Amino acid sequence: MTTAFALANGTSRQGLDLPWLHHYGPIYGCNALYKDFEPDVLVATDAPISGRIQDSGYSQRRAFYTRRCHPNSGARQIPKKYYGNSSGPVAAALAAIDGHHHVYLIGYDLGPTGDGKFNNVYAGTEFYKARGTPPTFTGNWIRQISTVIQDFPGVRWTRVYGETTMKHAELDRLSNLEHLEMSLFLARINKQKDS
């Protein structure tokens, strides 16, 4: 069974050692992640950050998917079925499209921080809302993630959660999605390393 990790930018993933995680499978990431760590596949659907990523030369070095590919940038078009989706759901879909049988969803908090504010590790940086601002509406993300998981019933999906991860009834109804607390996730990965 091949394992992959889809990373969104919810604060529950803060402190996760991404180079260490990369030893266990490819990483599919979103947006500003590339500034801290170069995942195997990066997705950015919003035009401003997508343009910056392409102009930086990143899409010449690594797989990068977006809606609007600049000529000769090396960027790849998001698959038609997921063209209208946000970056996190597209990253998850690409992991399944690439044939991985177990996909961990990490940082898919899908809601505000504990104090009801914007939940993103890049809050306050270029292209992101300021820290302490009202949360982003997550209804579309929840619907899109649910659709992706249902589109790939043969994939085992695991949503890793932390203190800032929101619970959603729509996700709880999906038979091929399990929920796993971050400390248990780390123990599971370490056990794979030792076996």
C-alpha atoms as a PDB file:
ATOM      1  CA  MET A   1       0.000   0.000   0.000  1.00  0.00           C
ATOM      2  CA  THR A   2       1.386   3.402  -0.960  1.00  0.00           C
ATOM      3  CA  THR A   3       0.920   6.261   1.444  1.00  0.00           C
ATOM      4  CA  ALA A   4       0.768   9.984   0.664  1.00  0.00           C
ATOM      5  CA  PHE A   5       0.232  13.086   2.761  1.00  0.00           C
ATOM      6  CA  ALA A   6      -1.996  15.980   1.709  1.00  0.00           C
ATOM      7  CA  LEU A   7      -1.191  19.118   3.694  1.00  0.00           C
ATOM      8  CA  ALA A   8      -3.513  22.053   4.096  1.00  0.00           C
ATOM      9  CA  ASN A   9      -2.422  25.049   6.136  1.00  0.00           C
ATOM     10  CA  GLY A  10      -4.589  24.823   9.248  1.00  0.00           C
ATOM     11  CA  THR A  11      -2.716  25.493  12.475  1.00  0.00           C
ATOM     12  CA  SER A  12      -3.129  21.905  13.687  1.00  0.00           C
ATOM     13  CA  ARG A  13      -0.131  20.975  11.531  1.00  0.00           C
ATOM     14  CA  GLN A  14       2.237  23.472  13.169  1.00  0.00           C
ATOM     15  CA  GLY A  15       5.323  21.817  14.540  1.00  0.00           C
ATOM     16  CA  LEU A  16       5.132  18.809  12.229  1.00  0.00           C
ATOM     17  CA  ASP A  17       8.595  17.970  10.918  1.00  0.00           C
ATOM     18  CA  LEU A  18       7.928  17.918   7.168  1.00  0.00           C
ATOM     19  CA  PRO A  19      11.373  16.651   6.039  1.00  0.00           C
ATOM     20  CA  TRP A  20      10.927  13.775   8.509  1.00  0.00           C
ATOM     21  CA  LEU A  21       7.387  13.099   7.246  1.00  0.00           C
ATOM     22  CA  HIS A  22       8.658  13.056   3.670  1.00  0.00           C
ATOM     23  CA  HIS A  23      10.534   9.810   4.415  1.00  0.00           C
ATOM     24  CA  TYR A  24       7.165   8.008   4.656  1.00  0.00           C
ATOM     25  CA  GLY A  25       5.614   9.121   1.390  1.00  0.00           C
ATOM     26  CA  PRO A  26       5.123  11.980  -1.045  1.00  0.00           C
ATOM     27  CA  ILE A  27       3.678  15.245   0.199  1.00  0.00           C
ATOM     28  CA  TYR A  28       0.995  17.227  -1.636  1.00  0.00           C
ATOM     29  CA  GLY A  29       0.793  20.781  -0.336  1.00  0.00           C
ATOM     30  CA  CYS A  30      -0.915  24.116  -0.825  1.00  0.00           C
ATOM     31  CA  ASN A  31      -0.066  27.710  -1.515  1.00  0.00           C
ATOM     32  CA  ALA A  32       2.628  29.303   0.688  1.00  0.00           C
ATOM     33  CA  LEU A  33       3.943  25.950   1.928  1.00  0.00           C
ATOM     34  CA  TYR A  34       6.617  26.195  -0.764  1.00  0.00           C
ATOM     35  CA  LYS A  35       8.299  29.028   1.188  1.00  0.00           C
ATOM     36  CA  ASP A  36       9.073  26.663   4.087  1.00  0.00           C
ATOM     37  CA  PHE A  37       9.224  23.263   2.409  1.00  0.00           C
ATOM     38  CA  GLU A  38       9.085  22.034  -1.187  1.00  0.00           C
ATOM     39  CA  PRO A  39       6.448  19.305  -1.384  1.00  0.00           C
ATOM     40  CA  ASP A  40       6.406  16.747  -4.201  1.00  0.00           C
ATOM     41  CA  VAL A  41       3.267  18.412  -5.561  1.00  0.00           C
ATOM     42  CA  LEU A  42       2.116  21.969  -4.839  1.00  0.00           C
ATOM     43  CA  VAL A  43      -1.317  23.421  -5.637  1.00  0.00           C
ATOM     44  CA  ALA A  44      -2.430  27.061  -5.711  1.00  0.00           C
ATOM     45  CA  THR A  45      -5.807  28.017  -7.156  1.00  0.00           C
ATOM     46  CA  ASP A  46      -5.889  31.744  -6.360  1.00  0.00           C
ATOM     47  CA  ALA A  47      -4.356  33.860  -9.128  1.00  0.00           C
ATOM     48  CA  PRO A  48      -2.095  36.166  -7.042  1.00  0.00           C
ATOM     49  CA  ILE A  49      -0.196  33.447  -5.184  1.00  0.00           C
ATOM     50  CA  SER A  50      -0.236  31.157  -8.207  1.00  0.00           C
ATOM     51  CA  GLY A  51       1.386  33.888 -10.278  1.00  0.00           C
ATOM     52  CA  ARG A  52       4.029  34.493  -7.616  1.00  0.00           C
ATOM     53  CA  ILE A  53       4.870  30.770  -7.447  1.00  0.00           C
ATOM     54  CA  GLN A  54       5.220  30.523 -11.222  1.00  0.00           C
ATOM     55  CA  ASP A  55       7.276  33.726 -11.453  1.00  0.00           C
ATOM     56  CA  SER A  56       9.627  32.409  -8.737  1.00  0.00           C
ATOM     57  CA  GLY A  57      10.680  29.492 -10.962  1.00  0.00           C
ATOM     58  CA  TYR A  58       9.275  26.950  -8.512  1.00  0.00           C
ATOM     59  CA  SER A  59       7.105  25.305 -11.179  1.00  0.00           C
ATOM     60  CA  GLN A  60      10.224  24.595 -13.233  1.00  0.00           C
ATOM     61  CA  ARG A  61      11.700  22.535 -10.366  1.00  0.00           C
ATOM     62  CA  ARG A  62       8.656  20.805  -8.882  1.00  0.00           C
ATOM     63  CA  ALA A  63       5.189  19.655  -9.887  1.00  0.00           C
ATOM     64  CA  PHE A  64       2.851  22.625  -9.531  1.00  0.00           C
ATOM     65  CA  TYR A  65      -0.856  22.662 -10.374  1.00  0.00           C
ATOM     66  CA  THR A  66      -2.998  25.735 -10.893  1.00  0.00           C
ATOM     67  CA  ARG A  67      -5.943  27.068 -12.880  1.00  0.00           C
ATOM     68  CA  ARG A  68      -3.982  29.641 -14.902  1.00  0.00           C
ATOM     69  CA  CYS A  69      -0.665  28.351 -16.186  1.00  0.00           C
ATOM     70  CA  HIS A  70       1.802  30.993 -17.346  1.00  0.00           C
ATOM     71  CA  PRO A  71       3.459  30.172 -20.694  1.00  0.00           C
ATOM     72  CA  ASN A  72       6.675  28.179 -20.320  1.00  0.00           C
ATOM     73  CA  SER A  73       6.423  28.185 -16.515  1.00  0.00           C
ATOM     74  CA  GLY A  74       6.240  24.403 -16.164  1.00  0.00           C
ATOM     75  CA  ALA A  75       2.912  24.738 -14.318  1.00  0.00           C
ATOM     76  CA  ARG A  76       0.288  22.034 -14.863  1.00  0.00           C
ATOM     77  CA  GLN A  77      -3.437  22.476 -15.307  1.00  0.00           C
ATOM     78  CA  ILE A  78      -5.680  21.278 -12.482  1.00  0.00           C
ATOM     79  CA  PRO A  79      -7.717  18.274 -13.702  1.00  0.00           C
ATOM     80  CA  LYS A  80     -10.995  19.408 -15.250  1.00  0.00           C
ATOM     81  CA  LYS A  81     -13.182  17.638 -12.688  1.00  0.00           C
ATOM     82  CA  TYR A  82     -11.553  19.584  -9.827  1.00  0.00           C
ATOM     83  CA  TYR A  83     -10.883  22.856 -11.654  1.00  0.00           C
ATOM     84  CA  GLY A  84     -13.336  24.842  -9.509  1.00  0.00           C
ATOM     85  CA  ASN A  85     -12.116  23.431  -6.197  1.00  0.00           C
ATOM     86  CA  SER A  86      -9.905  25.153  -3.652  1.00  0.00           C
ATOM     87  CA  SER A  87      -6.239  24.242  -3.219  1.00  0.00           C
ATOM     88  CA  GLY A  88      -6.625  21.775  -0.299  1.00  0.00           C
ATOM     89  CA  PRO A  89      -9.285  19.618  -1.965  1.00  0.00           C
ATOM     90  CA  VAL A  90      -7.287  19.625  -5.223  1.00  0.00           C
ATOM     91  CA  ALA A  91      -4.138  18.479  -3.385  1.00  0.00           C
ATOM     92  CA  ALA A  92      -6.100  15.595  -1.840  1.00  0.00           C
ATOM     93  CA  ALA A  93      -7.617  14.660  -5.209  1.00  0.00           C
ATOM     94  CA  LEU A  94      -4.197  14.643  -6.896  1.00  0.00           C
ATOM     95  CA  ALA A  95      -2.840  12.247  -4.263  1.00  0.00           C
ATOM     96  CA  ALA A  96      -5.678   9.829  -5.089  1.00  0.00           C
ATOM     97  CA  ILE A  97      -5.371  10.367  -8.859  1.00  0.00           C
ATOM     98  CA  ASP A  98      -1.667   9.513  -8.583  1.00  0.00           C
ATOM     99  CA  GLY A  99      -2.672   6.094  -7.259  1.00  0.00           C
ATOM    100  CA  HIS A 100      -1.914   6.324  -3.544  1.00  0.00           C
ATOM    101  CA  HIS A 101      -4.054   3.909  -1.538  1.00  0.00           C
ATOM    102  CA  HIS A 102      -3.803   5.676   1.825  1.00  0.00           C
ATOM    103  CA  VAL A 103      -3.947   9.473   2.018  1.00  0.00           C
ATOM    104  CA  TYR A 104      -3.495  11.361   5.273  1.00  0.00           C
ATOM    105  CA  LEU A 105      -5.182  14.775   5.398  1.00  0.00           C
ATOM    106  CA  ILE A 106      -3.142  17.018   7.695  1.00  0.00           C
ATOM    107  CA  GLY A 107      -3.948  20.643   8.496  1.00  0.00           C
ATOM    108  CA  TYR A 108      -7.466  20.309   7.076  1.00  0.00           C
ATOM    109  CA  ASP A 109      -8.916  22.088  10.102  1.00  0.00           C
ATOM    110  CA  LEU A 110     -11.966  23.384   8.191  1.00  0.00           C
ATOM    111  CA  GLY A 111     -12.887  25.962  10.780  1.00  0.00           C
ATOM    112  CA  PRO A 112     -11.655  28.805  12.977  1.00  0.00           C
ATOM    113  CA  THR A 113      -9.071  28.719  15.725  1.00  0.00           C
ATOM    114  CA  GLY A 114     -10.229  27.985  19.263  1.00  0.00           C
ATOM    115  CA  ASP A 115     -10.905  31.694  19.817  1.00  0.00           C
ATOM    116  CA  GLY A 116     -12.943  31.967  16.606  1.00  0.00           C
ATOM    117  CA  LYS A 117     -10.310  33.612  14.386  1.00  0.00           C
ATOM    118  CA  PHE A 118      -8.790  32.990  10.943  1.00  0.00           C
ATOM    119  CA  ASN A 119      -7.047  29.603  11.076  1.00  0.00           C
ATOM    120  CA  ASN A 120      -3.985  29.443   8.836  1.00  0.00           C
ATOM    121  CA  VAL A 121      -0.294  29.003   9.602  1.00  0.00           C
ATOM    122  CA  TYR A 122       0.441  31.807   7.109  1.00  0.00           C
ATOM    123  CA  ALA A 123      -1.994  34.341   8.606  1.00  0.00           C
ATOM    124  CA  GLY A 124      -0.556  37.826   8.358  1.00  0.00           C
ATOM    125  CA  THR A 125       1.791  37.049   5.463  1.00  0.00           C
ATOM    126  CA  GLU A 126       1.491  38.065   1.823  1.00  0.00           C
ATOM    127  CA  PHE A 127      -1.741  36.817   0.172  1.00  0.00           C
ATOM    128  CA  TYR A 128      -3.326  35.887   3.534  1.00  0.00           C
ATOM    129  CA  LYS A 129      -5.721  37.576   5.925  1.00  0.00           C
ATOM    130  CA  ALA A 130      -4.272  39.167   9.047  1.00  0.00           C
ATOM    131  CA  ARG A 131      -3.995  37.254  12.308  1.00  0.00           C
ATOM    132  CA  GLY A 132      -6.963  37.778  14.584  1.00  0.00           C
ATOM    133  CA  THR A 133      -9.418  38.477  11.742  1.00  0.00           C
ATOM    134  CA  PRO A 134     -12.749  36.663  11.340  1.00  0.00           C
ATOM    135  CA  PRO A 135     -12.505  33.114   9.989  1.00  0.00           C
ATOM    136  CA  THR A 136     -12.868  32.171   6.349  1.00  0.00           C
ATOM    137  CA  PHE A 137     -16.131  30.465   5.362  1.00  0.00           C
ATOM    138  CA  THR A 138     -15.364  26.736   5.124  1.00  0.00           C
ATOM    139  CA  GLY A 139     -18.609  25.330   3.695  1.00  0.00           C
ATOM    140  CA  ASN A 140     -17.179  24.985   0.191  1.00  0.00           C
ATOM    141  CA  TRP A 141     -14.047  23.238   1.475  1.00  0.00           C
ATOM    142  CA  ILE A 142     -16.093  20.736   3.463  1.00  0.00           C
ATOM    143  CA  ARG A 143     -18.298  19.967   0.466  1.00  0.00           C
ATOM    144  CA  GLN A 144     -15.290  19.664  -1.858  1.00  0.00           C
ATOM    145  CA  ILE A 145     -13.306  17.387   0.490  1.00  0.00           C
ATOM    146  CA  SER A 146     -16.391  15.202   0.977  1.00  0.00           C
ATOM    147  CA  THR A 147     -16.794  14.897  -2.792  1.00  0.00           C
ATOM    148  CA  VAL A 148     -13.124  13.998  -3.312  1.00  0.00           C
ATOM    149  CA  ILE A 149     -13.295  11.275  -0.652  1.00  0.00           C
ATOM    150  CA  GLN A 150     -16.474   9.856  -2.191  1.00  0.00           C
ATOM    151  CA  ASP A 151     -14.908   9.977  -5.676  1.00  0.00           C
ATOM    152  CA  PHE A 152     -12.206   7.551  -4.482  1.00  0.00           C
ATOM    153  CA  PRO A 153     -13.967   4.873  -2.399  1.00  0.00           C
ATOM    154  CA  GLY A 154     -10.996   2.503  -2.753  1.00  0.00           C
ATOM    155  CA  VAL A 155      -8.664   4.975  -1.052  1.00  0.00           C
ATOM    156  CA  ARG A 156      -8.249   4.874   2.705  1.00  0.00           C
ATOM    157  CA  TRP A 157      -8.465   8.458   3.962  1.00  0.00           C
ATOM    158  CA  THR A 158      -7.258   9.545   7.403  1.00  0.00           C
ATOM    159  CA  ARG A 159      -7.926  13.070   8.654  1.00  0.00           C
ATOM    160  CA  VAL A 160      -5.355  13.940  11.306  1.00  0.00           C
ATOM    161  CA  TYR A 161      -6.770  16.344  13.856  1.00  0.00           C
ATOM    162  CA  GLY A 162      -5.542  18.619  16.600  1.00  0.00           C
ATOM    163  CA  GLU A 163      -6.947  21.229  18.938  1.00  0.00           C
ATOM    164  CA  THR A 164      -7.906  23.586  16.082  1.00  0.00           C
ATOM    165  CA  THR A 165      -9.552  20.964  13.864  1.00  0.00           C
ATOM    166  CA  MET A 166     -13.314  21.296  13.527  1.00  0.00           C
ATOM    167  CA  LYS A 167     -15.629  18.290  13.630  1.00  0.00           C
ATOM    168  CA  HIS A 168     -18.150  18.071  10.770  1.00  0.00           C
ATOM    169  CA  ALA A 169     -21.099  15.677  10.514  1.00  0.00           C
ATOM    170  CA  GLU A 170     -20.744  15.559   6.728  1.00  0.00           C
ATOM    171  CA  LEU A 171     -17.260  14.101   7.067  1.00  0.00           C
ATOM    172  CA  ASP A 172     -18.259  11.738   9.882  1.00  0.00           C
ATOM    173  CA  ARG A 173     -20.701  10.001   7.514  1.00  0.00           C
ATOM    174  CA  LEU A 174     -17.987   8.954   5.033  1.00  0.00           C
ATOM    175  CA  SER A 175     -17.230   5.243   5.417  1.00  0.00           C
ATOM    176  CA  ASN A 176     -13.700   5.420   3.950  1.00  0.00           C
ATOM    177  CA  LEU A 177     -12.575   8.316   6.188  1.00  0.00           C
ATOM    178  CA  GLU A 178     -11.139   7.832   9.660  1.00  0.00           C
ATOM    179  CA  HIS A 179     -10.132  10.514  12.146  1.00  0.00           C
ATOM    180  CA  LEU A 180      -6.847  10.244  14.025  1.00  0.00           C
ATOM    181  CA  GLU A 181      -5.455  12.524  16.734  1.00  0.00           C
ATOM    182  CA  MET A 182      -2.038  14.016  15.914  1.00  0.00           C
ATOM    183  CA  SER A 183      -0.130  12.182  18.696  1.00  0.00           C
ATOM    184  CA  LEU A 184      -1.597   8.849  17.550  1.00  0.00           C
ATOM    185  CA  PHE A 185      -0.697   9.693  13.963  1.00  0.00           C
ATOM    186  CA  LEU A 186       2.917  10.312  14.983  1.00  0.00           C
ATOM    187  CA  ALA A 187       2.983   7.030  16.902  1.00  0.00           C
ATOM    188  CA  ARG A 188       1.556   5.181  13.874  1.00  0.00           C
ATOM    189  CA  ILE A 189       4.151   6.655  11.515  1.00  0.00           C
ATOM    190  CA  ASN A 190       6.998   5.891  13.928  1.00  0.00           C
ATOM    191  CA  LYS A 191       5.759   2.312  14.214  1.00  0.00           C
ATOM    192  CA  GLN A 192       5.934   1.970  10.392  1.00  0.00           C
ATOM    193  CA  LYS A 193       9.513   3.224  10.557  1.00  0.00           C
ATOM    194  CA  ASP A 194      10.447   0.591  13.143  1.00  0.00           C
ATOM    195  CA  SER A 195       8.797  -2.352  11.364  1.00  0.00           C
END
